[in-house]
Amino acid sequence: MAQRSFDAPVGADSGWGDDVPTPAAKPASASRTTLSHIMSAQDANLYGTGHGGVVMKLVDDAAAAVAGRHSGGPAVTAAVDELAFLVPARVGDLVHAHAQVNWTGRTSMEIGVRVMAERWNESTPANHIASAYLTFVAIDPEGRPRPVPPVRPETAEDHRRFREAEIRRTHRLARRQAIQLSRADDEAADVTG
């Protein structure tokens, strides 16, 4: 049986609800969300800085809120394309995960998250500590992918994010295809070998 892709382009035969019309486009600003967390001693790793897993959960939670808002219902994490830690969060930092929809396909969305940290008791500029790109898929009550509204970029920054998300998607699909071809070659070699 052929494996279905969550990244089927708009109008492609995804096999899931193709008779369901695509919802009306939504502006990028409609679902922007910020979640915040104070790094406490319980969040520290062995080095005394904020544990990366705490930041990862904050990133996923913020992205899930954006995906649910944009799609108008449940959405699940399908992939984390990138999570780059730039500098560590420290105990006592107020950490903010700013998230927005960068790109949409038929049933999937790329959510970008920028993580900033500032001291909880100082009025100094926040530091950019991490960035992430996650793919979410909207699901119906039976857990099947469902159509999402197209995102409508509003600013020059939104347009840049949209273009870069398309590049990441192209690379993700090419990587997946290359891996599948490699595995097929290995299986063929095992059969003939």
N, C-alpha and C. Protein backbone atom coordinates (compact mmCIF):
# COMPACT_ATOMS: atom_id res chain seq x y z
N MET A 1 0.84 -1.18 0.00
CA MET A 1 0.00 0.00 0.00
C MET A 1 0.89 1.24 0.00
N ALA A 2 0.56 2.21 -0.84
CA ALA A 2 1.35 3.45 -0.93
C ALA A 2 1.14 4.29 0.33
N GLN A 3 2.24 4.86 0.79
CA GLN A 3 2.16 5.73 1.96
C GLN A 3 1.71 7.11 1.52
N ARG A 4 0.75 7.69 2.25
CA ARG A 4 0.23 9.01 1.94
C ARG A 4 1.14 10.07 2.57
N SER A 5 1.25 11.19 1.90
CA SER A 5 2.08 12.28 2.42
C SER A 5 1.21 13.36 3.04
N PHE A 6 1.63 13.86 4.21
CA PHE A 6 0.95 14.99 4.82
C PHE A 6 1.24 16.26 4.05
N ASP A 7 2.20 16.23 3.14
CA ASP A 7 2.65 17.42 2.44
C ASP A 7 2.12 17.51 1.02
N ALA A 8 1.00 16.84 0.73
CA ALA A 8 0.45 16.90 -0.62
C ALA A 8 0.11 18.33 -0.97
N PRO A 9 0.51 18.80 -2.16
CA PRO A 9 0.21 20.18 -2.53
C PRO A 9 -1.29 20.40 -2.69
N VAL A 10 -1.69 21.65 -2.59
CA VAL A 10 -3.10 22.00 -2.77
C VAL A 10 -3.56 21.46 -4.11
N GLY A 11 -4.72 20.82 -4.12
CA GLY A 11 -5.27 20.28 -5.35
C GLY A 11 -4.78 18.88 -5.68
N ALA A 12 -3.77 18.39 -4.98
CA ALA A 12 -3.26 17.05 -5.25
C ALA A 12 -4.21 16.01 -4.65
N ASP A 13 -4.20 14.82 -5.21
CA ASP A 13 -5.04 13.75 -4.69
C ASP A 13 -4.37 13.17 -3.46
N SER A 14 -4.77 13.66 -2.29
CA SER A 14 -4.18 13.17 -1.05
C SER A 14 -4.89 11.93 -0.55
N GLY A 15 -6.11 11.68 -1.04
CA GLY A 15 -6.86 10.53 -0.57
C GLY A 15 -7.64 10.81 0.70
N TRP A 16 -7.54 12.00 1.24
CA TRP A 16 -8.24 12.36 2.48
C TRP A 16 -9.13 13.55 2.21
N GLY A 17 -10.41 13.34 2.19
CA GLY A 17 -11.35 14.44 2.11
C GLY A 17 -11.16 15.35 0.93
N ASP A 18 -10.83 14.78 -0.24
CA ASP A 18 -10.61 15.61 -1.42
C ASP A 18 -11.87 16.33 -1.86
N ASP A 19 -13.03 15.84 -1.43
CA ASP A 19 -14.27 16.49 -1.79
C ASP A 19 -14.62 17.63 -0.84
N VAL A 20 -13.79 17.83 0.20
CA VAL A 20 -14.02 18.90 1.16
C VAL A 20 -13.36 20.17 0.63
N PRO A 21 -14.12 21.26 0.52
CA PRO A 21 -13.52 22.49 0.00
C PRO A 21 -12.48 23.07 0.95
N THR A 22 -11.50 23.77 0.38
CA THR A 22 -10.48 24.44 1.18
C THR A 22 -11.11 25.66 1.84
N PRO A 23 -10.91 25.84 3.14
CA PRO A 23 -11.47 27.02 3.82
C PRO A 23 -10.87 28.32 3.29
N ALA A 24 -11.54 29.43 3.58
CA ALA A 24 -11.07 30.74 3.14
C ALA A 24 -9.73 31.09 3.79
N ALA A 25 -8.91 31.84 3.07
CA ALA A 25 -7.58 32.23 3.56
C ALA A 25 -7.69 33.07 4.82
N LYS A 26 -6.67 32.94 5.68
CA LYS A 26 -6.57 33.73 6.91
C LYS A 26 -5.26 34.49 6.90
N PRO A 27 -5.26 35.72 7.41
CA PRO A 27 -4.00 36.47 7.48
C PRO A 27 -3.04 35.84 8.49
N ALA A 28 -1.75 36.02 8.26
CA ALA A 28 -0.73 35.46 9.15
C ALA A 28 -0.90 35.96 10.58
N SER A 29 -1.36 37.19 10.74
CA SER A 29 -1.49 37.78 12.08
C SER A 29 -2.64 37.16 12.88
N ALA A 30 -3.57 36.49 12.24
CA ALA A 30 -4.77 36.00 12.93
C ALA A 30 -4.47 34.96 14.00
N SER A 31 -3.40 34.22 13.84
CA SER A 31 -3.13 33.14 14.80
C SER A 31 -1.81 33.28 15.54
N ARG A 32 -1.13 34.41 15.39
CA ARG A 32 0.13 34.61 16.12
C ARG A 32 -0.12 34.45 17.62
N THR A 33 0.82 33.78 18.28
CA THR A 33 0.66 33.49 19.70
C THR A 33 2.01 33.59 20.39
N THR A 34 1.98 33.99 21.65
CA THR A 34 3.18 33.97 22.48
C THR A 34 2.85 33.22 23.77
N LEU A 35 3.67 32.24 24.11
CA LEU A 35 3.59 31.55 25.39
C LEU A 35 4.85 31.88 26.16
N SER A 36 4.72 32.01 27.47
CA SER A 36 5.87 32.36 28.30
C SER A 36 6.03 31.39 29.46
N HIS A 37 7.26 31.28 29.93
CA HIS A 37 7.60 30.36 31.02
C HIS A 37 8.78 30.94 31.79
N ILE A 38 8.73 30.89 33.12
CA ILE A 38 9.87 31.31 33.93
C ILE A 38 10.73 30.08 34.20
N MET A 39 12.00 30.16 33.82
CA MET A 39 12.92 29.05 34.09
C MET A 39 13.24 29.01 35.58
N SER A 40 12.84 27.94 36.23
CA SER A 40 13.09 27.79 37.66
C SER A 40 14.20 26.76 37.88
N ALA A 41 14.57 26.57 39.12
CA ALA A 41 15.61 25.58 39.46
C ALA A 41 15.18 24.18 39.01
N GLN A 42 13.88 23.91 39.01
CA GLN A 42 13.38 22.59 38.56
C GLN A 42 13.60 22.38 37.06
N ASP A 43 13.78 23.47 36.31
CA ASP A 43 13.97 23.40 34.86
C ASP A 43 15.44 23.33 34.46
N ALA A 44 16.34 23.30 35.44
CA ALA A 44 17.77 23.34 35.16
C ALA A 44 18.30 21.97 34.74
N ASN A 45 19.30 22.00 33.87
CA ASN A 45 20.00 20.77 33.49
C ASN A 45 21.23 20.60 34.38
N LEU A 46 22.09 19.65 34.06
CA LEU A 46 23.27 19.39 34.87
C LEU A 46 24.29 20.52 34.84
N TYR A 47 24.17 21.42 33.87
CA TYR A 47 25.09 22.55 33.76
C TYR A 47 24.56 23.80 34.46
N GLY A 48 23.35 23.70 35.02
CA GLY A 48 22.78 24.83 35.73
C GLY A 48 22.05 25.82 34.85
N THR A 49 21.90 25.50 33.57
CA THR A 49 21.13 26.36 32.67
C THR A 49 19.78 25.70 32.40
N GLY A 50 18.90 26.41 31.69
CA GLY A 50 17.59 25.86 31.37
C GLY A 50 17.70 24.62 30.51
N HIS A 51 16.98 23.58 30.88
CA HIS A 51 17.00 22.31 30.14
C HIS A 51 16.39 22.51 28.76
N GLY A 52 17.07 21.99 27.74
CA GLY A 52 16.57 22.12 26.37
C GLY A 52 15.19 21.52 26.19
N GLY A 53 14.89 20.46 26.92
CA GLY A 53 13.57 19.82 26.81
C GLY A 53 12.44 20.73 27.27
N VAL A 54 12.72 21.60 28.23
CA VAL A 54 11.71 22.55 28.68
C VAL A 54 11.43 23.55 27.56
N VAL A 55 12.48 24.01 26.90
CA VAL A 55 12.32 24.93 25.78
C VAL A 55 11.59 24.22 24.64
N MET A 56 11.95 22.96 24.38
CA MET A 56 11.30 22.20 23.31
C MET A 56 9.79 22.07 23.56
N LYS A 57 9.40 21.80 24.78
CA LYS A 57 7.98 21.69 25.10
C LYS A 57 7.27 23.02 24.91
N LEU A 58 7.90 24.11 25.34
CA LEU A 58 7.32 25.43 25.15
C LEU A 58 7.14 25.72 23.66
N VAL A 59 8.14 25.38 22.86
CA VAL A 59 8.07 25.57 21.40
C VAL A 59 6.91 24.78 20.82
N ASP A 60 6.79 23.49 21.18
CA ASP A 60 5.72 22.65 20.64
C ASP A 60 4.35 23.14 21.09
N ASP A 61 4.23 23.56 22.34
CA ASP A 61 2.96 24.08 22.85
C ASP A 61 2.54 25.35 22.11
N ALA A 62 3.48 26.27 21.91
CA ALA A 62 3.17 27.51 21.19
C ALA A 62 2.77 27.21 19.75
N ALA A 63 3.52 26.31 19.10
CA ALA A 63 3.20 25.94 17.71
C ALA A 63 1.84 25.27 17.62
N ALA A 64 1.52 24.42 18.59
CA ALA A 64 0.22 23.73 18.59
C ALA A 64 -0.93 24.74 18.74
N ALA A 65 -0.74 25.75 19.59
CA ALA A 65 -1.77 26.77 19.76
C ALA A 65 -2.01 27.52 18.45
N VAL A 66 -0.92 27.87 17.77
CA VAL A 66 -1.04 28.57 16.48
C VAL A 66 -1.72 27.68 15.45
N ALA A 67 -1.30 26.42 15.36
CA ALA A 67 -1.87 25.51 14.37
C ALA A 67 -3.36 25.31 14.62
N GLY A 68 -3.74 25.14 15.89
CA GLY A 68 -5.16 24.98 16.21
C GLY A 68 -5.97 26.22 15.89
N ARG A 69 -5.43 27.38 16.19
CA ARG A 69 -6.12 28.63 15.88
C ARG A 69 -6.28 28.81 14.37
N HIS A 70 -5.18 28.57 13.64
CA HIS A 70 -5.23 28.79 12.19
C HIS A 70 -6.19 27.80 11.52
N SER A 71 -6.11 26.54 11.93
CA SER A 71 -6.91 25.50 11.26
C SER A 71 -8.33 25.42 11.79
N GLY A 72 -8.59 26.06 12.93
CA GLY A 72 -9.94 26.05 13.47
C GLY A 72 -10.30 24.74 14.16
N GLY A 73 -9.30 24.04 14.67
CA GLY A 73 -9.57 22.77 15.35
C GLY A 73 -8.29 22.04 15.66
N PRO A 74 -8.40 20.75 15.99
CA PRO A 74 -7.22 19.99 16.39
C PRO A 74 -6.17 19.90 15.27
N ALA A 75 -4.92 19.96 15.69
CA ALA A 75 -3.78 19.78 14.79
C ALA A 75 -2.68 19.09 15.58
N VAL A 76 -1.94 18.23 14.92
CA VAL A 76 -0.89 17.45 15.59
C VAL A 76 0.47 17.72 14.97
N THR A 77 1.51 17.56 15.78
CA THR A 77 2.88 17.73 15.30
C THR A 77 3.22 16.58 14.37
N ALA A 78 3.61 16.89 13.14
CA ALA A 78 4.01 15.87 12.18
C ALA A 78 5.52 15.80 12.06
N ALA A 79 6.20 16.94 12.22
CA ALA A 79 7.66 16.96 12.08
C ALA A 79 8.22 18.22 12.73
N VAL A 80 9.43 18.09 13.21
CA VAL A 80 10.21 19.25 13.64
C VAL A 80 11.36 19.32 12.63
N ASP A 81 11.28 20.30 11.74
CA ASP A 81 12.29 20.41 10.69
C ASP A 81 13.60 20.95 11.24
N GLU A 82 13.50 21.82 12.20
CA GLU A 82 14.71 22.40 12.75
C GLU A 82 14.40 22.97 14.13
N LEU A 83 15.32 22.77 15.04
CA LEU A 83 15.27 23.42 16.35
C LEU A 83 16.71 23.77 16.67
N ALA A 84 17.02 25.04 16.58
CA ALA A 84 18.39 25.50 16.82
C ALA A 84 18.45 26.27 18.12
N PHE A 85 19.32 25.80 19.03
CA PHE A 85 19.57 26.50 20.28
C PHE A 85 20.75 27.43 20.05
N LEU A 86 20.54 28.71 20.25
CA LEU A 86 21.58 29.71 19.98
C LEU A 86 22.40 30.02 21.22
N VAL A 87 21.74 30.26 22.32
CA VAL A 87 22.38 30.47 23.63
C VAL A 87 21.48 29.84 24.67
N PRO A 88 22.03 29.42 25.80
CA PRO A 88 21.19 28.76 26.80
C PRO A 88 20.30 29.74 27.56
N ALA A 89 19.13 29.25 27.96
CA ALA A 89 18.30 29.99 28.90
C ALA A 89 18.90 29.77 30.28
N ARG A 90 18.73 30.73 31.15
CA ARG A 90 19.28 30.61 32.50
C ARG A 90 18.13 30.51 33.50
N VAL A 91 18.41 29.89 34.62
CA VAL A 91 17.43 29.88 35.69
C VAL A 91 17.15 31.34 36.06
N GLY A 92 15.89 31.68 36.15
CA GLY A 92 15.49 33.06 36.41
C GLY A 92 15.14 33.84 35.15
N ASP A 93 15.28 33.22 33.99
CA ASP A 93 14.87 33.88 32.75
C ASP A 93 13.37 33.74 32.54
N LEU A 94 12.76 34.78 32.01
CA LEU A 94 11.40 34.73 31.51
C LEU A 94 11.53 34.42 30.02
N VAL A 95 11.09 33.24 29.62
CA VAL A 95 11.28 32.75 28.25
C VAL A 95 9.96 32.90 27.49
N HIS A 96 10.02 33.51 26.31
CA HIS A 96 8.84 33.74 25.48
C HIS A 96 8.99 33.00 24.16
N ALA A 97 8.01 32.20 23.79
CA ALA A 97 7.98 31.52 22.49
C ALA A 97 6.95 32.25 21.62
N HIS A 98 7.44 32.97 20.60
CA HIS A 98 6.58 33.70 19.67
C HIS A 98 6.39 32.82 18.43
N ALA A 99 5.15 32.49 18.11
CA ALA A 99 4.89 31.54 17.03
C ALA A 99 3.89 32.11 16.02
N GLN A 100 4.03 31.68 14.76
CA GLN A 100 3.08 32.06 13.72
C GLN A 100 3.11 31.05 12.59
N VAL A 101 2.05 31.03 11.79
CA VAL A 101 1.99 30.19 10.60
C VAL A 101 2.85 30.85 9.53
N ASN A 102 3.81 30.08 8.99
CA ASN A 102 4.65 30.59 7.91
C ASN A 102 4.12 30.20 6.54
N TRP A 103 3.53 28.99 6.45
CA TRP A 103 3.15 28.41 5.16
C TRP A 103 2.05 27.39 5.39
N THR A 104 1.20 27.20 4.40
CA THR A 104 0.19 26.15 4.48
C THR A 104 0.15 25.35 3.18
N GLY A 105 -0.14 24.07 3.33
CA GLY A 105 -0.44 23.19 2.21
C GLY A 105 -1.92 22.87 2.26
N ARG A 106 -2.30 21.71 1.78
CA ARG A 106 -3.72 21.33 1.81
C ARG A 106 -4.15 20.98 3.24
N THR A 107 -3.36 20.18 3.93
CA THR A 107 -3.72 19.76 5.29
C THR A 107 -2.62 20.10 6.31
N SER A 108 -1.49 20.57 5.83
CA SER A 108 -0.37 20.82 6.73
C SER A 108 -0.02 22.31 6.80
N MET A 109 0.70 22.64 7.86
CA MET A 109 1.11 24.03 8.11
C MET A 109 2.52 24.02 8.66
N GLU A 110 3.36 24.95 8.22
CA GLU A 110 4.63 25.14 8.89
C GLU A 110 4.45 26.28 9.89
N ILE A 111 4.85 26.01 11.12
CA ILE A 111 4.78 27.01 12.18
C ILE A 111 6.22 27.39 12.54
N GLY A 112 6.51 28.67 12.53
CA GLY A 112 7.82 29.17 12.94
C GLY A 112 7.74 29.66 14.38
N VAL A 113 8.76 29.35 15.16
CA VAL A 113 8.78 29.78 16.56
C VAL A 113 10.13 30.44 16.85
N ARG A 114 10.07 31.62 17.39
CA ARG A 114 11.27 32.36 17.81
C ARG A 114 11.22 32.46 19.33
N VAL A 115 12.28 31.98 20.00
CA VAL A 115 12.30 31.95 21.46
C VAL A 115 13.23 33.04 21.97
N MET A 116 12.69 33.86 22.85
CA MET A 116 13.43 34.98 23.44
C MET A 116 13.48 34.79 24.95
N ALA A 117 14.54 35.28 25.59
CA ALA A 117 14.66 35.18 27.04
C ALA A 117 15.11 36.52 27.60
N GLU A 118 14.53 36.88 28.73
CA GLU A 118 14.92 38.09 29.45
C GLU A 118 14.93 37.77 30.93
N ARG A 119 15.73 38.49 31.68
CA ARG A 119 15.77 38.29 33.12
C ARG A 119 14.43 38.68 33.71
N TRP A 120 13.96 37.89 34.62
CA TRP A 120 12.63 38.14 35.20
C TRP A 120 12.58 39.42 36.01
N ASN A 121 13.71 39.87 36.54
CA ASN A 121 13.71 41.02 37.44
C ASN A 121 14.51 42.21 36.91
N GLU A 122 14.78 42.23 35.60
CA GLU A 122 15.53 43.33 35.01
C GLU A 122 14.79 43.84 33.78
N SER A 123 15.02 45.08 33.43
CA SER A 123 14.40 45.64 32.22
C SER A 123 15.47 45.80 31.15
N THR A 124 16.09 44.70 30.78
CA THR A 124 17.11 44.68 29.73
C THR A 124 16.52 44.02 28.50
N PRO A 125 17.11 44.27 27.33
CA PRO A 125 16.56 43.65 26.11
C PRO A 125 16.61 42.12 26.19
N ALA A 126 15.61 41.51 25.56
CA ALA A 126 15.55 40.05 25.51
C ALA A 126 16.59 39.52 24.53
N ASN A 127 17.09 38.30 24.79
CA ASN A 127 18.04 37.62 23.91
C ASN A 127 17.31 36.57 23.09
N HIS A 128 17.67 36.47 21.83
CA HIS A 128 17.14 35.40 20.95
C HIS A 128 17.90 34.13 21.31
N ILE A 129 17.21 33.14 21.90
CA ILE A 129 17.91 31.94 22.38
C ILE A 129 17.67 30.70 21.52
N ALA A 130 16.59 30.68 20.73
CA ALA A 130 16.32 29.49 19.90
C ALA A 130 15.34 29.84 18.79
N SER A 131 15.39 29.05 17.71
CA SER A 131 14.41 29.15 16.62
C SER A 131 14.02 27.74 16.20
N ALA A 132 12.78 27.59 15.76
CA ALA A 132 12.30 26.26 15.36
C ALA A 132 11.28 26.38 14.24
N TYR A 133 11.21 25.31 13.44
CA TYR A 133 10.21 25.18 12.38
C TYR A 133 9.56 23.83 12.53
N LEU A 134 8.25 23.82 12.72
CA LEU A 134 7.50 22.58 12.93
C LEU A 134 6.41 22.45 11.89
N THR A 135 6.13 21.22 11.47
CA THR A 135 5.02 20.96 10.58
C THR A 135 3.90 20.33 11.38
N PHE A 136 2.72 20.91 11.27
CA PHE A 136 1.52 20.39 11.92
C PHE A 136 0.52 19.98 10.86
N VAL A 137 -0.28 18.98 11.18
CA VAL A 137 -1.36 18.52 10.31
C VAL A 137 -2.66 18.67 11.05
N ALA A 138 -3.64 19.31 10.42
CA ALA A 138 -4.97 19.43 11.00
C ALA A 138 -5.68 18.10 10.86
N ILE A 139 -6.40 17.70 11.91
CA ILE A 139 -7.10 16.41 11.87
C ILE A 139 -8.58 16.60 12.19
N ASP A 140 -9.37 15.67 11.66
CA ASP A 140 -10.81 15.66 11.93
C ASP A 140 -11.08 14.78 13.16
N PRO A 141 -12.35 14.63 13.57
CA PRO A 141 -12.65 13.83 14.76
C PRO A 141 -12.20 12.36 14.67
N GLU A 142 -12.02 11.84 13.48
CA GLU A 142 -11.55 10.46 13.31
C GLU A 142 -10.03 10.38 13.21
N GLY A 143 -9.35 11.51 13.35
CA GLY A 143 -7.89 11.52 13.29
C GLY A 143 -7.34 11.58 11.88
N ARG A 144 -8.18 11.82 10.89
CA ARG A 144 -7.72 11.93 9.49
C ARG A 144 -7.39 13.38 9.17
N PRO A 145 -6.39 13.60 8.31
CA PRO A 145 -6.06 14.97 7.92
C PRO A 145 -7.26 15.67 7.28
N ARG A 146 -7.38 16.96 7.56
CA ARG A 146 -8.46 17.77 7.00
C ARG A 146 -7.88 19.05 6.42
N PRO A 147 -8.57 19.67 5.47
CA PRO A 147 -8.05 20.89 4.84
C PRO A 147 -7.88 22.03 5.84
N VAL A 148 -6.84 22.84 5.58
CA VAL A 148 -6.58 24.03 6.39
C VAL A 148 -6.74 25.27 5.52
N PRO A 149 -7.07 26.41 6.14
CA PRO A 149 -7.14 27.64 5.36
C PRO A 149 -5.75 28.03 4.86
N PRO A 150 -5.65 28.53 3.64
CA PRO A 150 -4.36 29.06 3.20
C PRO A 150 -3.97 30.25 4.09
N VAL A 151 -2.68 30.42 4.32
CA VAL A 151 -2.23 31.59 5.08
C VAL A 151 -2.01 32.72 4.09
N ARG A 152 -2.38 33.92 4.49
CA ARG A 152 -2.20 35.10 3.65
C ARG A 152 -1.12 35.98 4.28
N PRO A 153 0.10 35.96 3.71
CA PRO A 153 1.17 36.82 4.24
C PRO A 153 0.75 38.28 4.13
N GLU A 154 1.09 39.07 5.17
CA GLU A 154 0.68 40.47 5.19
C GLU A 154 1.86 41.44 5.08
N THR A 155 2.99 41.08 5.66
CA THR A 155 4.13 41.98 5.69
C THR A 155 5.27 41.41 4.85
N ALA A 156 6.29 42.20 4.63
CA ALA A 156 7.48 41.72 3.91
C ALA A 156 8.09 40.54 4.67
N GLU A 157 8.10 40.61 6.00
CA GLU A 157 8.61 39.51 6.82
C GLU A 157 7.78 38.24 6.63
N ASP A 158 6.45 38.38 6.57
CA ASP A 158 5.57 37.23 6.33
C ASP A 158 5.86 36.59 4.97
N HIS A 159 6.08 37.43 3.95
CA HIS A 159 6.38 36.90 2.61
C HIS A 159 7.72 36.17 2.61
N ARG A 160 8.73 36.71 3.31
CA ARG A 160 10.03 36.04 3.42
C ARG A 160 9.86 34.69 4.10
N ARG A 161 9.12 34.67 5.20
CA ARG A 161 8.89 33.41 5.93
C ARG A 161 8.20 32.38 5.03
N PHE A 162 7.22 32.81 4.24
CA PHE A 162 6.50 31.92 3.34
C PHE A 162 7.46 31.31 2.31
N ARG A 163 8.28 32.16 1.68
CA ARG A 163 9.24 31.66 0.67
C ARG A 163 10.22 30.67 1.28
N GLU A 164 10.76 31.00 2.46
CA GLU A 164 11.72 30.11 3.10
C GLU A 164 11.08 28.80 3.54
N ALA A 165 9.82 28.84 3.95
CA ALA A 165 9.10 27.61 4.31
C ALA A 165 8.94 26.71 3.10
N GLU A 166 8.69 27.29 1.93
CA GLU A 166 8.59 26.48 0.70
C GLU A 166 9.92 25.81 0.39
N ILE A 167 11.03 26.49 0.63
CA ILE A 167 12.35 25.90 0.43
C ILE A 167 12.55 24.72 1.38
N ARG A 168 12.21 24.92 2.66
CA ARG A 168 12.35 23.82 3.62
C ARG A 168 11.48 22.64 3.23
N ARG A 169 10.27 22.89 2.76
CA ARG A 169 9.37 21.81 2.33
C ARG A 169 9.96 21.04 1.15
N THR A 170 10.49 21.77 0.18
CA THR A 170 11.11 21.13 -0.98
C THR A 170 12.26 20.23 -0.55
N HIS A 171 13.09 20.71 0.36
CA HIS A 171 14.22 19.91 0.85
C HIS A 171 13.73 18.70 1.64
N ARG A 172 12.69 18.89 2.47
CA ARG A 172 12.16 17.78 3.27
C ARG A 172 11.62 16.67 2.36
N LEU A 173 10.87 17.05 1.32
CA LEU A 173 10.31 16.05 0.40
C LEU A 173 11.40 15.37 -0.42
N ALA A 174 12.40 16.13 -0.85
CA ALA A 174 13.51 15.54 -1.61
C ALA A 174 14.30 14.57 -0.75
N ARG A 175 14.53 14.93 0.51
CA ARG A 175 15.25 14.04 1.43
C ARG A 175 14.45 12.75 1.64
N ARG A 176 13.14 12.89 1.85
CA ARG A 176 12.28 11.71 2.04
C ARG A 176 12.34 10.80 0.82
N GLN A 177 12.26 11.39 -0.39
CA GLN A 177 12.30 10.60 -1.61
C GLN A 177 13.66 9.90 -1.76
N ALA A 178 14.74 10.60 -1.47
CA ALA A 178 16.08 10.00 -1.58
C ALA A 178 16.23 8.82 -0.61
N ILE A 179 15.72 8.97 0.60
CA ILE A 179 15.79 7.88 1.58
C ILE A 179 14.96 6.69 1.13
N GLN A 180 13.76 6.95 0.60
CA GLN A 180 12.93 5.85 0.12
C GLN A 180 13.59 5.12 -1.04
N LEU A 181 14.23 5.86 -1.96
CA LEU A 181 14.93 5.22 -3.08
C LEU A 181 16.11 4.40 -2.57
N SER A 182 16.83 4.92 -1.60
CA SER A 182 17.96 4.19 -1.03
C SER A 182 17.49 2.89 -0.38
N ARG A 183 16.40 2.96 0.34
CA ARG A 183 15.86 1.75 0.98
C ARG A 183 15.39 0.74 -0.06
N ALA A 184 14.77 1.24 -1.14
CA ALA A 184 14.32 0.34 -2.19
C ALA A 184 15.51 -0.33 -2.85
N ASP A 185 16.61 0.42 -3.05
CA ASP A 185 17.82 -0.17 -3.62
C ASP A 185 18.38 -1.25 -2.69
N ASP A 186 18.38 -0.97 -1.38
CA ASP A 186 18.87 -1.96 -0.41
C ASP A 186 18.01 -3.22 -0.42
N GLU A 187 16.70 -3.04 -0.49
CA GLU A 187 15.79 -4.19 -0.50
C GLU A 187 15.99 -5.01 -1.78
N ALA A 188 16.19 -4.33 -2.91
CA ALA A 188 16.42 -5.03 -4.16
C ALA A 188 17.73 -5.81 -4.12
N ALA A 189 18.76 -5.22 -3.51
CA ALA A 189 20.05 -5.89 -3.38
C ALA A 189 19.94 -7.12 -2.47
N ASP A 190 19.13 -7.01 -1.40
CA ASP A 190 18.92 -8.15 -0.50
C ASP A 190 18.22 -9.30 -1.21
N VAL A 191 17.28 -8.97 -2.09
CA VAL A 191 16.51 -10.01 -2.80
C VAL A 191 17.40 -10.71 -3.82
N THR A 192 18.23 -9.95 -4.54
CA THR A 192 19.06 -10.54 -5.60
C THR A 192 20.37 -11.06 -5.06
N GLY A 193 20.73 -10.62 -3.85
CA GLY A 193 22.03 -10.85 -3.34
C GLY A 193 22.49 -12.06 -2.78
